[in-house]
Amino acid sequence: MNAQQWLDTYLEGWRTGDAEKSLSATVPDFFYDDPATGRICRDKFVQFVEDFKAAGAELAGGQVPSPFLQYSDITVSAANPATAWCWWRVTGTNFQGAAIIRFGDAGVISERIAYFTTDPVATPIPDQVKKEG
């Protein structure tokens, strides 16, 4: 696969809530940085996604939304490794933020996210996301 295909596979896994699909597009030393949990290494990524989905379900009335994530404003650099920036939202909720994803010809290297809310008191980060990575 080329770099864009790795990115597309990774994002599709997140969009559908399929952690294994996202993980299949990553390099061996992949990591995920989350402001609530810190750095998640590759071997803890699947559990992290499951916890993230549980948080999304909690905010969506008890069901994991389908599709799980919606993306907008995806911007990709032409460098190698490349960087993709996107806005994400758990479908049907106000749980949203931004992501920066580094990727190249070997796969996705890392993702760092930030959360957005208009009122942190009214929309706290769900407890499932705060679990240790």
Protein backbone atom coordinates (compact mmCIF):
# COMPACT_ATOMS: atom_id res chain seq x y z
CA MET A 1 0.00 0.00 0.00
CA ASN A 2 1.06 3.58 -0.45
CA ALA A 3 0.99 6.25 2.28
CA GLN A 4 -2.49 7.53 1.36
CA GLN A 5 -3.92 4.02 1.45
CA TRP A 6 -2.45 3.46 4.93
CA LEU A 7 -4.09 6.68 6.10
CA ASP A 8 -7.42 5.79 4.48
CA THR A 9 -7.42 2.35 6.13
CA TYR A 10 -6.57 3.84 9.52
CA LEU A 11 -9.31 6.46 9.31
CA GLU A 12 -11.85 3.92 8.06
CA GLY A 13 -11.16 1.79 11.12
CA TRP A 14 -11.90 4.75 13.38
CA ARG A 15 -14.93 5.78 11.31
CA THR A 16 -16.48 2.34 11.71
CA GLY A 17 -15.15 1.68 15.22
CA ASP A 18 -12.97 -1.21 14.03
CA ALA A 19 -9.79 -0.93 16.10
CA GLU A 20 -8.17 -3.94 14.42
CA LYS A 21 -8.59 -2.31 11.01
CA SER A 22 -6.96 0.90 12.22
CA LEU A 23 -4.21 -1.06 13.92
CA SER A 24 -3.50 -3.00 10.71
CA ALA A 25 -2.43 0.27 9.07
CA THR A 26 0.15 1.18 11.73
CA VAL A 27 3.91 0.72 11.97
CA PRO A 28 5.36 -1.47 14.78
CA ASP A 29 6.31 1.53 16.96
CA PHE A 30 2.98 3.35 16.45
CA PHE A 31 1.65 5.43 19.34
CA TYR A 32 -1.52 7.41 20.05
CA ASP A 33 -1.45 10.50 22.26
CA ASP A 34 -4.59 11.49 24.12
CA PRO A 35 -4.69 14.46 26.53
CA ALA A 36 -6.86 12.53 29.01
CA THR A 37 -4.85 9.28 29.07
CA GLY A 38 -1.40 10.10 27.77
CA ARG A 39 0.54 7.99 25.30
CA ILE A 40 -1.09 4.75 24.21
CA CYS A 41 1.33 2.21 22.76
CA ARG A 42 0.38 -0.12 19.94
CA ASP A 43 -0.37 -3.12 22.16
CA LYS A 44 -2.93 -1.13 24.21
CA PHE A 45 -4.56 0.59 21.25
CA VAL A 46 -7.44 -1.88 20.71
CA GLN A 47 -8.55 -1.59 24.36
CA PHE A 48 -8.25 2.19 24.16
CA VAL A 49 -10.55 2.26 21.11
CA GLU A 50 -13.06 0.03 22.91
CA ASP A 51 -13.04 2.44 25.88
CA PHE A 52 -13.40 5.39 23.50
CA LYS A 53 -16.39 3.69 21.84
CA ALA A 54 -17.95 3.08 25.26
CA ALA A 55 -17.56 6.80 26.00
CA GLY A 56 -19.21 7.62 22.68
CA ALA A 57 -22.06 5.21 23.42
CA GLU A 58 -22.57 6.80 26.83
CA LEU A 59 -23.04 10.18 25.16
CA ALA A 60 -25.23 8.75 22.37
CA GLY A 61 -27.90 7.22 24.58
CA GLY A 62 -26.25 3.88 25.29
CA GLN A 63 -25.57 2.69 21.73
CA VAL A 64 -22.30 2.90 19.82
CA PRO A 65 -23.18 5.21 16.91
CA SER A 66 -22.87 3.97 13.35
CA PRO A 67 -20.75 5.24 11.80
CA PHE A 68 -18.80 5.77 15.00
CA LEU A 69 -16.82 8.84 13.89
CA GLN A 70 -17.45 11.51 11.31
CA TYR A 71 -14.52 13.41 9.80
CA SER A 72 -14.40 16.84 8.23
CA ASP A 73 -11.76 19.31 7.13
CA ILE A 74 -9.15 16.65 6.36
CA THR A 75 -5.92 18.31 5.25
CA VAL A 76 -2.87 16.31 4.16
CA SER A 77 0.71 17.53 3.74
CA ALA A 78 2.85 16.32 0.86
CA ALA A 79 5.93 15.53 2.99
CA ASN A 80 7.22 12.06 3.75
CA PRO A 81 6.37 11.24 6.41
CA ALA A 82 3.17 13.14 5.77
CA THR A 83 0.86 14.76 8.27
CA ALA A 84 -2.92 14.70 8.12
CA TRP A 85 -5.05 17.05 10.20
CA CYS A 86 -8.76 16.46 10.62
CA TRP A 87 -11.74 17.37 12.73
CA TRP A 88 -13.57 14.39 14.24
CA ARG A 89 -16.91 13.97 15.98
CA VAL A 90 -18.62 10.98 17.55
CA THR A 91 -21.75 10.70 15.42
CA GLY A 92 -24.85 12.21 17.03
CA THR A 93 -22.95 13.84 19.92
CA ASN A 94 -20.96 16.96 20.72
CA PHE A 95 -17.93 14.79 21.59
CA GLN A 96 -15.41 16.16 19.11
CA GLY A 97 -11.93 17.45 18.54
CA ALA A 98 -8.94 17.60 16.24
CA ALA A 99 -6.36 15.01 15.26
CA ILE A 100 -2.90 15.13 13.75
CA ILE A 101 -1.81 11.88 12.16
CA ARG A 102 1.74 11.18 10.93
CA PHE A 103 2.02 8.52 8.24
CA GLY A 104 4.28 7.33 5.46
CA ASP A 105 4.95 4.54 3.02
CA ALA A 106 5.29 2.01 5.87
CA GLY A 107 2.01 2.97 7.59
CA VAL A 108 0.61 5.26 10.27
CA ILE A 109 3.28 6.38 12.71
CA SER A 110 1.27 8.27 15.31
CA GLU A 111 -1.89 10.15 16.12
CA ARG A 112 -2.34 13.00 18.57
CA ILE A 113 -5.77 14.32 19.43
CA ALA A 114 -7.28 17.27 21.23
CA TYR A 115 -10.80 17.57 22.58
CA PHE A 116 -13.13 20.48 21.90
CA THR A 117 -16.09 21.62 23.90
CA THR A 118 -17.90 24.91 24.24
CA ASP A 119 -18.46 24.25 27.95
CA PRO A 120 -16.09 21.87 29.78
CA VAL A 121 -18.43 21.65 32.76
CA ALA A 122 -21.42 20.60 30.65
CA THR A 123 -19.46 18.24 28.39
CA PRO A 124 -16.70 16.56 30.41
CA ILE A 125 -14.42 13.94 28.91
CA PRO A 126 -16.18 10.62 29.64
CA ASP A 127 -14.61 8.40 32.31
CA GLN A 128 -13.99 5.57 29.83
CA VAL A 129 -11.59 7.79 27.90
CA LYS A 130 -9.74 8.83 31.06
CA LYS A 131 -8.66 5.25 31.84
CA GLU A 132 -4.93 4.64 31.95
CA GLY A 133 -3.47 3.61 28.59
